[in-house]
Every structure is written in C-alpha cells, then in structure tokens.
Amino acid sequence: MSQNSISSNELTDQIMSIVENSNVASEQKSLLREVFQNLARHQCQKLDNLKNMVHASVYEAEHTTESIGRIVVALLPKNYNLRGFSPVVDFSQLSFPDDDLDVYNSNADYIGLYFKCSYDRFLEIVDSGIANDYDAVVELKNGSRLNLKCSFRIDYSYIYQERILQTVASQYGFETPLIYSPYSRRFARIILSEDLSVSQITAINIPVLAKDIIATTLDYDLMWNIEVINRRSPELSMSDNFSIEKKAEMSDSFVANEYVVAGSSPSFKSKYSCYPNEYILFDGVGTRRLAIARDKKESFLFVMYDGLTRIEPIKRLKVNPINDINYDLEKFVKENTAHLNSYNSTTYRKRRLCSKADIIYSLSVFQQNEYDISIDSDFELIEKYPSGCISDYQNSHRYYQSNTDRNFNGETERSISNSKSLFCCLTFKGSDPFIEDFARYVLSYMNEQYPEFHWVGRCG
C-alpha cells in the first residue's frame, strides 16, 4: 500500500469520526460516510497517478532502455478465459527437448501436477533420489475407478519456455527481472504403474499428498499475458540517409535505447512494423545486445548493427497489458494462484554497490510488492556461508543460468565470479506461503546484477 493510501485512510478515519459524533440524522450520516469515502478513494487514486507520472518521467530521463512491462503468471481453470492470457506451454506443440536425464519424452499424453507445498518439500517428493511409490485413485470417463501406484518426475517444460525471456533480455538490454513464477518450479509429471491414455482419465487423487498438490493439467493451465508468434517479419524499406538525430527531431515518440550511439554508421539498418508492446527476436545475434530504436507513434522498430551478414527475424513476443484486468488479478494474487514480476524501478539503477546505503537502495525495488513481504534493512555481511539460509533455486529451476551453464553453451558470462566475496544475508518477513520463493527470486536477481556479494537469505 502506498504512503498516499495510508495518509488518505488516516484522513478518512478522522472525517468518519466527526460524522459519527455529529448531531445529524442516521440517513444523513450514511450519505456523508459514502460521500467522504468515495472522495478519499478518488483523491488517493489521483495522488498515486501523479506520483507514478512524475516517477515515470524521471525514470525515462535516467533510463533510455525499454521496459517489457509486467508479466503475470496465473494458474487458472482450463475453461477460464482471461483476456490477453495464453498457456505458457502448449503441450500438444512442444518444440524443445526434455532434460537429458529424463528417459520419458515430452508429449501431450501425460498428466502434470502443480504443487503448492514449499519448494524443499516438492524436491523431497519428486527428486529425493529415492524412488517412492504412492497410492493413487484414477477416475475414468466410463465411471470406473482404478487403484494404482504412481511416482513423479520433475518436468522443466515451463522453465524451457521461460528461456525466450532471456533471449529478449539479451537482445533488448533489459536488466530487470522479467518473471516470478513459483508454480513453474513446482511442476512434475505423474508416472502411473499401468499404461493409460490421458483421454480416458477424468481425475487423479493421491490421498497422502492431498495437501501438497493444488491442481493437475487435466483441469488447469499455467497462463501468462504473453503471446509468442513463430513467424518471420518482413523488412520494410528505409531511407539510406536514416539517422537517429533526424528521426528524433521528426517524432517526439521516437525512443532509442542506450546501445544506440548517435552519429554512428552501422553496417546494417533494418526497419520493421512492430507495436510498442511487441519484441521481434532475431537469429544470428548470439548474446549481443542490439542497437534498437522504436517509433511508438508510428509502430516501427529500427535495428542497427555491425556484422558480416544480416540477422533474421524469427519470432515475435507480445506482452499484453494488464491494466484493464486488475480486479481479477488482485483476487488471484490473494488466492496465491497468480504471481507478478514484482519489481518497481528506482529512478537510478546502481551499477555497483559501494556502501550499505547502496544495498538498501537497490533492494528497495522489491519492497513494494503484492505479497506484503518486506526485506529487513538490517543485513549481515560475513565471510562464511551462514547456517540456516536459502540461496537460489537448484539446477535448471534458476532464473539465470549459472556460470557453468554459460560456459558449457559457449555463451558470454554476464556475472563476475569472485570466490572471495562476502556473503550478504538478507531477512525476508511476511506470511505469504511463497515467501521463500520470493526470496529466491530476489536473491537470484541480486546475484546476477551485483556479484560483489554472494546473496543468501532467511525468512522470518
């Protein structure tokens, strides 16, 4: 809740007290209460809008890179049609490989489970190293029930799909965390003791794990406000004498990111039709960040780069705005079925941390979140790994690739490796059931952007 909201509530309470103690009829009191409550809400909204407008103006002056917008991931019933949302993964059209250790191929003919327990409990159930069989009751479409044994195997389908966001961040120069998605990291497929077609099954119940499982892919989908379009974008004609300076003079909606050097003459200049909330992904870029400029009013994207050959557009990513569906999202967030990439940009992003004040300032971007989770301003800087702490997710569940993964794939490292860095232990406070996941979300970002420390945390 914003400070404006708090101040408005205090003023409303004072006015309500005056109304209640006044010598007027009860009907008039009721009318006055409604009037002043509506007035307080209107005032609060206007102040918040003004604050956001000023903040956005200052931020835009300090940050010339684009912002991808807010990404929401929600676990929704299959028949729930939330405008602008689509499944994170279309299991009938999988086009990426499963993990090498998994002998079961990814295909549409299996059932996935979403877990609501803690991350450590999830790993204990599905990845403890011990093959556990659980009793399951399988309900079939013909009305019969089967008592079977089952086991589980972690499925990384959602994590693989998230990698498209890493590509976007690399090419467009995004430095903010793009996604916060606990359910993507609590997803496993069920392996039944008998070979059954998914088309025959209507429900699966595992009594001993009833409190740990929230839904299955039979009834639910993990959705996000992103559309991925796998088609090439035609290149548009552009004047040979195109320049950043001339275009900026012609249009006040022309925005160039910080990787565009004014007056430079790159080998290639390309122009594409592209809406402000769309991002064209290119093949042949590697981990380079492109020099990109966008005309938001005319919906054009200009790409400038050096190289021996032209890069090719291979797909589009569209982030649908969520402003018109806030009511539903608030409900889903409170029910712990939706998560937002809760990051509120500061007016200036620290490039390096040189003091405790810098650490507090850099963490402030996560303080105003939808989950009422706070990060204590008192933190520990110690030489040895503190006991009882959590760090990042394990293996493929990480939001950012580890140094080993980057080297193995021949990619350029973004993080600085310093084995002598101090540990910075943060304390997270709140009652949200996914508080440890939020902590890992924050810690992963801090480890990626500020390798001056090894970031770990405790949840109070």
Protein backbone atom coordinates (compact mmCIF):
# COMPACT_ATOMS: atom_id res chain seq x y z
CA MET A 1 0.00 0.00 0.00
CA SER A 2 1.37 3.44 -0.90
CA GLN A 3 2.03 6.26 1.55
CA ASN A 4 -0.70 8.23 -0.19
CA SER A 5 -3.17 5.44 0.62
CA ILE A 6 -2.10 5.44 4.28
CA SER A 7 -2.46 9.23 4.58
CA SER A 8 -5.84 9.10 2.86
CA ASN A 9 -7.05 6.38 5.23
CA GLU A 10 -5.99 8.43 8.27
CA LEU A 11 -7.84 11.47 6.95
CA THR A 12 -10.91 9.34 6.17
CA ASP A 13 -10.88 7.94 9.71
CA GLN A 14 -10.80 11.46 11.16
CA ILE A 15 -13.68 12.59 8.96
CA MET A 16 -15.69 9.46 9.80
CA SER A 17 -15.17 10.15 13.49
CA ILE A 18 -16.54 13.68 13.05
CA VAL A 19 -19.53 12.37 11.11
CA GLU A 20 -20.31 9.71 13.73
CA ASN A 21 -20.16 12.26 16.58
CA SER A 22 -22.29 14.83 14.79
CA ASN A 23 -25.91 15.53 15.71
CA VAL A 24 -27.48 14.64 12.37
CA ALA A 25 -29.99 12.01 11.33
CA SER A 26 -28.76 8.47 10.62
CA GLU A 27 -29.74 8.78 6.94
CA GLN A 28 -27.57 11.88 6.61
CA LYS A 29 -24.69 10.14 8.38
CA SER A 30 -24.91 7.26 5.94
CA LEU A 31 -24.88 9.65 3.00
CA LEU A 32 -21.92 11.63 4.41
CA ARG A 33 -19.96 8.42 5.04
CA GLU A 34 -20.44 7.30 1.43
CA VAL A 35 -19.54 10.71 0.02
CA PHE A 36 -16.32 11.10 2.01
CA GLN A 37 -15.21 7.51 1.42
CA ASN A 38 -15.61 7.93 -2.33
CA LEU A 39 -13.86 11.31 -2.17
CA ALA A 40 -10.94 9.78 -0.24
CA ARG A 41 -10.58 6.96 -2.76
CA HIS A 42 -10.70 9.44 -5.65
CA GLN A 43 -8.06 11.65 -4.00
CA CYS A 44 -5.82 8.68 -3.29
CA GLN A 45 -6.05 7.50 -6.91
CA LYS A 46 -5.24 10.98 -8.24
CA LEU A 47 -2.21 11.32 -5.96
CA ASP A 48 -0.94 7.88 -6.93
CA ASN A 49 -1.38 8.68 -10.62
CA LEU A 50 0.53 11.94 -10.18
CA LYS A 51 3.30 10.16 -8.30
CA ASN A 52 3.57 7.48 -10.98
CA MET A 53 3.60 10.06 -13.76
CA VAL A 54 6.43 12.04 -12.13
CA HIS A 55 8.33 8.87 -11.35
CA ALA A 56 7.97 7.62 -14.93
CA SER A 57 9.18 10.95 -16.30
CA VAL A 58 12.27 10.96 -14.09
CA TYR A 59 12.93 7.28 -14.76
CA GLU A 60 12.70 7.74 -18.52
CA ALA A 61 15.24 10.55 -18.32
CA GLU A 62 17.66 8.31 -16.40
CA HIS A 63 16.99 5.05 -18.25
CA THR A 64 16.90 5.02 -22.02
CA THR A 65 16.37 1.27 -22.30
CA GLU A 66 12.90 -0.11 -22.86
CA SER A 67 10.72 -1.79 -20.28
CA ILE A 68 8.99 -5.03 -21.19
CA GLY A 69 6.08 -4.35 -18.84
CA ARG A 70 4.56 -6.51 -16.14
CA ILE A 71 4.47 -10.24 -16.71
CA VAL A 72 1.85 -12.22 -14.81
CA VAL A 73 1.74 -15.99 -14.40
CA ALA A 74 -1.57 -17.45 -13.20
CA LEU A 75 -2.78 -20.98 -12.53
CA LEU A 76 -6.30 -20.98 -13.97
CA PRO A 77 -9.04 -23.50 -14.75
CA LYS A 78 -9.00 -24.58 -18.39
CA ASN A 79 -12.45 -23.08 -19.02
CA TYR A 80 -11.49 -19.70 -17.51
CA ASN A 81 -11.00 -17.22 -20.33
CA LEU A 82 -8.85 -14.34 -19.08
CA ARG A 83 -8.40 -11.80 -21.84
CA GLY A 84 -4.82 -11.37 -23.02
CA PHE A 85 -3.61 -14.60 -21.39
CA SER A 86 -2.49 -17.81 -23.08
CA PRO A 87 -0.91 -21.06 -21.83
CA VAL A 88 2.78 -20.77 -21.01
CA VAL A 89 3.29 -24.11 -22.75
CA ASP A 90 1.14 -25.76 -25.38
CA PHE A 91 1.90 -29.38 -24.55
CA SER A 92 0.50 -30.57 -27.85
CA GLN A 93 3.04 -28.45 -29.75
CA LEU A 94 6.23 -28.93 -27.76
CA SER A 95 9.28 -27.99 -29.80
CA PHE A 96 12.06 -28.12 -27.23
CA PRO A 97 13.93 -31.13 -25.81
CA ASP A 98 13.36 -32.55 -22.38
CA ASP A 99 16.22 -32.71 -19.90
CA ASP A 100 18.90 -35.26 -20.72
CA LEU A 101 18.36 -37.25 -17.54
CA ASP A 102 14.68 -37.82 -18.28
CA VAL A 103 14.00 -41.05 -20.16
CA TYR A 104 10.38 -40.08 -20.69
CA ASN A 105 9.91 -37.95 -23.78
CA SER A 106 7.83 -34.76 -23.55
CA ASN A 107 4.50 -35.30 -25.24
CA ALA A 108 0.86 -34.47 -24.77
CA ASP A 109 -0.03 -37.91 -23.38
CA TYR A 110 0.91 -37.41 -19.78
CA ILE A 111 -0.56 -35.61 -16.78
CA GLY A 112 1.30 -32.88 -14.94
CA LEU A 113 0.84 -31.89 -11.32
CA TYR A 114 1.18 -28.43 -9.74
CA PHE A 115 2.38 -28.48 -6.14
CA LYS A 116 1.51 -25.85 -3.52
CA CYS A 117 3.89 -27.06 -0.80
CA SER A 118 7.28 -25.50 -0.08
CA TYR A 119 10.00 -25.88 -2.68
CA ASP A 120 12.05 -28.11 -0.39
CA ARG A 121 9.03 -30.33 0.23
CA PHE A 122 8.43 -30.51 -3.54
CA LEU A 123 12.00 -31.71 -4.09
CA GLU A 124 11.61 -34.21 -1.26
CA ILE A 125 8.59 -35.73 -3.02
CA VAL A 126 9.79 -35.76 -6.62
CA ASP A 127 13.59 -35.51 -6.54
CA SER A 128 14.85 -37.01 -3.29
CA GLY A 129 16.91 -39.69 -5.02
CA ILE A 130 14.69 -42.37 -3.55
CA ALA A 131 12.02 -43.94 -5.78
CA ASN A 132 8.79 -43.54 -3.79
CA ASP A 133 5.54 -45.10 -4.94
CA TYR A 134 2.27 -43.52 -3.82
CA ASP A 135 -1.26 -44.89 -3.81
CA ALA A 136 -3.43 -43.15 -6.38
CA VAL A 137 -7.11 -43.34 -7.29
CA VAL A 138 -7.69 -42.82 -11.02
CA GLU A 139 -11.20 -41.88 -12.16
CA LEU A 140 -12.07 -42.86 -15.74
CA LYS A 141 -14.62 -41.42 -18.17
CA ASN A 142 -16.60 -44.68 -18.10
CA GLY A 143 -17.30 -44.06 -14.39
CA SER A 144 -14.94 -46.69 -13.01
CA ARG A 145 -12.07 -46.16 -10.60
CA LEU A 146 -8.65 -47.78 -10.53
CA ASN A 147 -6.35 -48.09 -7.52
CA LEU A 148 -2.80 -47.74 -8.86
CA LYS A 149 0.69 -46.90 -7.76
CA CYS A 150 2.37 -43.76 -9.04
CA SER A 151 5.62 -41.84 -8.87
CA PHE A 152 6.74 -38.40 -10.09
CA ARG A 153 9.40 -36.82 -12.20
CA ILE A 154 10.29 -33.13 -12.38
CA ASP A 155 9.21 -31.53 -15.63
CA TYR A 156 11.10 -28.44 -16.86
CA SER A 157 8.73 -27.55 -19.72
CA TYR A 158 7.82 -24.17 -18.22
CA ILE A 159 11.44 -23.36 -17.42
CA TYR A 160 12.47 -24.09 -21.01
CA GLN A 161 9.74 -21.78 -22.28
CA GLU A 162 10.94 -19.01 -19.97
CA ARG A 163 14.27 -19.01 -21.78
CA ILE A 164 12.67 -16.94 -24.52
CA LEU A 165 12.62 -14.13 -21.97
CA GLN A 166 16.38 -14.49 -21.50
CA THR A 167 16.76 -14.03 -25.25
CA VAL A 168 14.59 -10.91 -25.16
CA ALA A 169 16.59 -9.53 -22.23
CA SER A 170 19.84 -10.19 -24.07
CA GLN A 171 18.83 -8.60 -27.38
CA TYR A 172 16.93 -5.61 -25.99
CA GLY A 173 19.15 -4.88 -23.00
CA PHE A 174 16.60 -5.49 -20.23
CA GLU A 175 18.19 -5.59 -16.80
CA THR A 176 15.09 -6.06 -14.68
CA PRO A 177 13.83 -9.49 -13.58
CA LEU A 178 11.24 -10.46 -16.17
CA ILE A 179 9.31 -13.23 -14.44
CA TYR A 180 8.41 -14.52 -10.98
CA SER A 181 6.80 -17.95 -11.31
CA PRO A 182 6.79 -20.38 -8.34
CA TYR A 183 4.41 -22.88 -9.97
CA SER A 184 6.77 -23.30 -12.93
CA ARG A 185 9.22 -24.61 -10.35
CA ARG A 186 6.74 -26.95 -8.69
CA PHE A 187 5.67 -28.88 -11.74
CA ALA A 188 6.09 -32.63 -12.18
CA ARG A 189 4.61 -35.34 -14.35
CA ILE A 190 2.88 -38.33 -12.86
CA ILE A 191 4.02 -41.83 -13.84
CA LEU A 192 1.35 -44.46 -13.32
CA SER A 193 2.02 -48.15 -12.72
CA GLU A 194 -0.31 -49.00 -15.61
CA ASP A 195 -0.29 -47.64 -19.14
CA LEU A 196 -3.40 -45.49 -19.54
CA SER A 197 -4.31 -42.94 -22.16
CA VAL A 198 -4.86 -39.44 -20.81
CA SER A 199 -8.06 -39.26 -22.86
CA GLN A 200 -9.56 -41.97 -20.62
CA ILE A 201 -8.86 -40.15 -17.34
CA THR A 202 -11.05 -37.50 -15.70
CA ALA A 203 -9.27 -37.13 -12.34
CA ILE A 204 -6.40 -38.42 -10.23
CA ASN A 205 -6.39 -38.35 -6.43
CA ILE A 206 -3.36 -39.10 -4.28
CA PRO A 207 -4.71 -39.07 -0.69
CA VAL A 208 -1.37 -38.92 1.13
CA LEU A 209 -0.35 -35.84 -0.91
CA ALA A 210 -3.73 -34.08 -0.98
CA LYS A 211 -2.42 -31.07 0.97
CA ASP A 212 0.67 -30.75 -1.26
CA ILE A 213 -0.99 -30.76 -4.71
CA ILE A 214 -3.15 -27.86 -5.89
CA ALA A 215 -4.13 -28.96 -9.42
CA THR A 216 -3.38 -31.16 -12.43
CA THR A 217 -3.14 -30.45 -16.15
CA LEU A 218 -6.45 -32.28 -16.57
CA ASP A 219 -8.28 -29.23 -15.22
CA TYR A 220 -5.80 -26.34 -15.02
CA ASP A 221 -3.31 -24.44 -17.18
CA LEU A 222 -0.45 -22.20 -16.19
CA MET A 223 -1.13 -18.99 -18.13
CA TRP A 224 0.75 -15.75 -18.76
CA ASN A 225 0.00 -12.46 -20.50
CA ILE A 226 2.45 -13.25 -23.30
CA GLU A 227 1.88 -14.36 -26.87
CA VAL A 228 4.70 -15.97 -28.84
CA ILE A 229 4.24 -15.85 -32.60
CA ASN A 230 6.51 -18.10 -34.65
CA ARG A 231 6.61 -16.25 -37.93
CA ARG A 232 9.11 -14.13 -39.78
CA SER A 233 8.60 -10.37 -40.02
CA PRO A 234 9.01 -8.72 -43.42
CA GLU A 235 11.64 -5.98 -43.58
CA LEU A 236 10.32 -2.58 -44.65
CA SER A 237 12.05 -0.12 -46.93
CA MET A 238 14.02 2.64 -45.24
CA SER A 239 15.83 5.71 -46.48
CA ASP A 240 19.58 5.29 -46.86
CA ASN A 241 20.18 8.55 -45.00
CA PHE A 242 18.22 7.45 -41.92
CA SER A 243 19.77 8.74 -38.70
CA ILE A 244 18.83 8.78 -35.03
CA GLU A 245 19.10 12.55 -34.84
CA LYS A 246 16.78 13.23 -37.79
CA LYS A 247 14.18 10.72 -36.65
CA ALA A 248 14.17 12.09 -33.10
CA GLU A 249 13.54 15.60 -34.44
CA MET A 250 10.59 14.38 -36.52
CA SER A 251 8.79 12.44 -33.78
CA ASP A 252 8.55 13.00 -30.02
CA SER A 253 7.61 9.31 -29.62
CA PHE A 254 10.92 8.07 -31.04
CA VAL A 255 12.93 6.28 -28.34
CA ALA A 256 16.42 4.81 -28.77
CA ASN A 257 17.98 2.50 -26.23
CA GLU A 258 21.32 3.27 -24.64
CA TYR A 259 23.18 0.99 -27.04
CA VAL A 260 22.47 3.31 -29.98
CA VAL A 261 25.43 5.60 -30.47
CA ALA A 262 24.36 8.89 -32.05
CA GLY A 263 26.09 9.60 -35.33
CA SER A 264 27.38 6.05 -35.77
CA SER A 265 27.18 4.26 -39.12
CA PRO A 266 26.50 0.55 -38.55
CA SER A 267 26.81 -1.99 -41.36
CA PHE A 268 23.11 -2.78 -41.38
CA LYS A 269 19.94 -0.78 -40.67
CA SER A 270 16.58 -2.54 -40.76
CA LYS A 271 13.00 -1.36 -40.26
CA TYR A 272 10.03 -3.48 -39.17
CA SER A 273 6.40 -2.90 -38.32
CA CYS A 274 6.16 -3.52 -34.58
CA TYR A 275 3.75 -2.37 -31.87
CA PRO A 276 5.20 -0.86 -28.65
CA ASN A 277 4.37 -4.00 -26.64
CA GLU A 278 5.93 -6.36 -29.22
CA TYR A 279 9.50 -7.62 -29.39
CA ILE A 280 10.96 -9.16 -32.53
CA LEU A 281 13.57 -11.84 -31.85
CA PHE A 282 16.43 -12.30 -34.27
CA ASP A 283 18.56 -15.25 -35.29
CA GLY A 284 22.32 -14.86 -35.59
CA VAL A 285 22.65 -12.39 -32.72
CA GLY A 286 24.14 -14.65 -30.05
CA THR A 287 24.42 -12.81 -26.74
CA ARG A 288 24.99 -9.39 -28.33
CA ARG A 289 22.67 -6.57 -27.40
CA LEU A 290 21.20 -4.91 -30.43
CA ALA A 291 21.12 -1.19 -31.10
CA ILE A 292 17.36 -0.67 -31.22
CA ALA A 293 15.18 2.40 -31.66
CA ARG A 294 11.41 2.42 -31.60
CA ASP A 295 8.87 4.83 -33.03
CA LYS A 296 5.94 4.22 -30.68
CA LYS A 297 3.54 6.53 -32.50
CA GLU A 298 4.10 5.00 -35.95
CA SER A 299 4.72 1.47 -34.54
CA PHE A 300 8.08 0.94 -36.23
CA LEU A 301 11.17 -0.81 -34.90
CA PHE A 302 14.61 0.17 -36.19
CA VAL A 303 17.52 -2.23 -35.69
CA MET A 304 21.12 -1.16 -36.30
CA TYR A 305 24.11 -3.48 -36.05
CA ASP A 306 27.50 -4.38 -37.43
CA GLY A 307 28.37 -7.76 -38.87
CA LEU A 308 29.18 -9.72 -42.00
CA THR A 309 25.62 -10.88 -42.63
CA ARG A 310 22.10 -9.73 -41.91
CA ILE A 311 20.35 -11.07 -38.87
CA GLU A 312 16.97 -12.67 -39.50
CA PRO A 313 13.74 -12.08 -37.53
CA ILE A 314 12.41 -15.47 -36.43
CA LYS A 315 9.56 -14.80 -33.98
CA ARG A 316 7.65 -12.15 -32.06
CA LEU A 317 6.88 -11.88 -28.38
CA LYS A 318 3.89 -9.76 -27.36
CA VAL A 319 3.28 -8.67 -23.77
CA ASN A 320 -0.39 -7.85 -23.25
CA PRO A 321 -1.10 -5.00 -20.78
CA ILE A 322 -2.89 -5.93 -17.55
CA ASN A 323 -4.34 -2.53 -16.63
CA ASP A 324 -7.90 -3.49 -17.55
CA ILE A 325 -7.99 -6.73 -15.55
CA ASN A 326 -6.66 -5.60 -12.17
CA TYR A 327 -9.73 -6.80 -10.29
CA ASP A 328 -9.25 -10.42 -11.29
CA LEU A 329 -5.51 -10.26 -10.71
CA GLU A 330 -5.90 -8.93 -7.18
CA LYS A 331 -8.24 -11.82 -6.45
CA PHE A 332 -5.85 -14.39 -7.92
CA VAL A 333 -2.85 -12.91 -6.10
CA LYS A 334 -4.69 -13.07 -2.78
CA GLU A 335 -5.60 -16.69 -3.51
CA ASN A 336 -1.92 -17.43 -4.29
CA THR A 337 -2.78 -18.61 -7.80
CA ALA A 338 -1.19 -15.64 -9.64
CA HIS A 339 2.25 -14.06 -9.39
CA LEU A 340 3.62 -10.83 -10.85
CA ASN A 341 7.23 -9.93 -11.52
CA SER A 342 7.14 -7.59 -8.55
CA TYR A 343 9.85 -5.08 -9.41
CA ASN A 344 9.33 -1.31 -9.09
CA SER A 345 12.12 0.55 -10.85
CA THR A 346 14.04 3.22 -8.98
CA THR A 347 14.96 6.48 -10.67
CA TYR A 348 18.55 5.32 -10.95
CA ARG A 349 19.95 1.79 -11.03
CA LYS A 350 23.20 1.27 -9.15
CA ARG A 351 25.87 -0.28 -11.34
CA ARG A 352 28.00 -1.29 -8.37
CA LEU A 353 27.36 -1.39 -4.62
CA CYS A 354 29.84 0.66 -2.60
CA SER A 355 28.03 1.13 0.72
CA LYS A 356 25.27 -0.25 2.91
CA ALA A 357 23.06 2.59 1.69
CA ASP A 358 23.59 1.34 -1.87
CA ILE A 359 22.40 -2.13 -0.83
CA ILE A 360 19.26 -0.74 0.84
CA TYR A 361 18.56 1.44 -2.20
CA SER A 362 18.98 -1.45 -4.65
CA LEU A 363 16.70 -3.70 -2.60
CA SER A 364 14.01 -1.00 -2.43
CA VAL A 365 12.76 -2.06 -5.89
CA PHE A 366 11.32 -5.19 -4.26
CA GLN A 367 9.88 -3.61 -1.11
CA GLN A 368 6.51 -2.50 -2.50
CA ASN A 369 5.15 -5.85 -3.67
CA GLU A 370 1.77 -7.53 -3.89
CA TYR A 371 2.64 -10.15 -1.29
CA ASP A 372 3.23 -7.95 1.81
CA ILE A 373 6.77 -9.30 2.02
CA SER A 374 9.39 -6.92 3.40
CA ILE A 375 13.18 -7.08 3.35
CA ASP A 376 14.77 -6.00 6.62
CA SER A 377 17.16 -3.05 6.34
CA ASP A 378 19.46 -4.84 8.79
CA PHE A 379 21.54 -7.43 6.96
CA GLU A 380 24.69 -9.38 7.71
CA LEU A 381 27.98 -9.21 5.81
CA ILE A 382 30.02 -12.25 6.76
CA GLU A 383 32.91 -14.28 5.37
CA LYS A 384 31.49 -17.79 5.71
CA TYR A 385 28.21 -19.21 4.49
CA PRO A 386 25.67 -18.56 7.28
CA SER A 387 23.74 -21.55 8.58
CA GLY A 388 20.01 -21.88 8.07
CA CYS A 389 19.95 -19.81 4.89
CA ILE A 390 18.47 -20.27 1.45
CA SER A 391 20.02 -19.20 -1.82
CA ASP A 392 18.97 -19.62 -5.44
CA TYR A 393 16.87 -22.43 -6.90
CA GLN A 394 18.67 -25.61 -7.82
CA ASN A 395 19.91 -26.57 -11.28
CA SER A 396 17.50 -25.86 -14.15
CA HIS A 397 14.99 -24.03 -11.95
CA ARG A 398 17.24 -20.98 -11.74
CA TYR A 399 16.01 -17.70 -13.20
CA TYR A 400 19.51 -17.03 -14.54
CA GLN A 401 21.96 -19.54 -15.92
CA SER A 402 24.93 -20.38 -13.74
CA ASN A 403 28.48 -19.71 -14.90
CA THR A 404 28.93 -23.41 -15.66
CA ASP A 405 25.84 -23.43 -17.89
CA ARG A 406 27.03 -20.37 -19.78
CA ASN A 407 30.49 -21.75 -20.38
CA PHE A 408 29.12 -25.11 -21.46
CA ASN A 409 26.86 -23.47 -24.03
CA GLY A 410 29.62 -21.19 -25.29
CA GLU A 411 27.81 -18.06 -24.12
CA THR A 412 29.36 -14.93 -22.72
CA GLU A 413 29.25 -14.68 -18.95
CA ARG A 414 27.25 -11.80 -17.52
CA SER A 415 28.21 -12.36 -13.89
CA ILE A 416 31.56 -11.75 -12.24
CA SER A 417 32.96 -14.79 -10.45
CA ASN A 418 34.65 -13.88 -7.18
CA SER A 419 35.24 -16.70 -4.75
CA LYS A 420 36.46 -14.24 -2.08
CA SER A 421 33.27 -12.18 -1.98
CA LEU A 422 31.49 -11.72 1.33
CA PHE A 423 28.10 -13.27 1.98
CA CYS A 424 25.26 -10.78 2.28
CA CYS A 425 22.44 -12.37 4.28
CA LEU A 426 19.03 -10.71 3.91
CA THR A 427 15.99 -11.25 6.12
CA PHE A 428 12.59 -11.56 4.48
CA LYS A 429 9.47 -11.04 6.59
CA GLY A 430 5.85 -11.85 5.80
CA SER A 431 3.18 -14.53 5.93
CA ASP A 432 2.90 -15.30 2.23
CA PRO A 433 3.10 -19.09 1.67
CA PHE A 434 5.59 -18.48 -1.16
CA ILE A 435 7.87 -16.20 0.84
CA GLU A 436 10.88 -18.48 0.25
CA ASP A 437 10.21 -18.39 -3.49
CA PHE A 438 10.03 -14.60 -3.40
CA ALA A 439 13.32 -14.60 -1.51
CA ARG A 440 14.93 -16.81 -4.18
CA TYR A 441 13.51 -14.51 -6.86
CA VAL A 442 15.19 -11.51 -5.20
CA LEU A 443 18.43 -13.35 -4.40
CA SER A 444 18.79 -14.63 -7.95
CA TYR A 445 18.48 -11.09 -9.31
CA MET A 446 20.95 -9.69 -6.78
CA ASN A 447 23.46 -12.47 -7.51
CA GLU A 448 23.17 -11.76 -11.23
CA GLN A 449 23.37 -7.97 -11.10
CA TYR A 450 25.59 -7.42 -8.06
CA PRO A 451 28.25 -10.15 -7.84
CA GLU A 452 30.18 -8.08 -5.29
CA PHE A 453 28.49 -10.38 -2.74
CA HIS A 454 27.13 -13.89 -2.51
CA TRP A 455 23.47 -13.20 -1.73
CA VAL A 456 21.64 -15.52 0.67
CA GLY A 457 18.57 -15.08 2.87
CA ARG A 458 16.50 -16.07 5.83
CA CYS A 459 12.70 -15.99 6.07
CA GLY A 460 11.36 -14.67 9.36
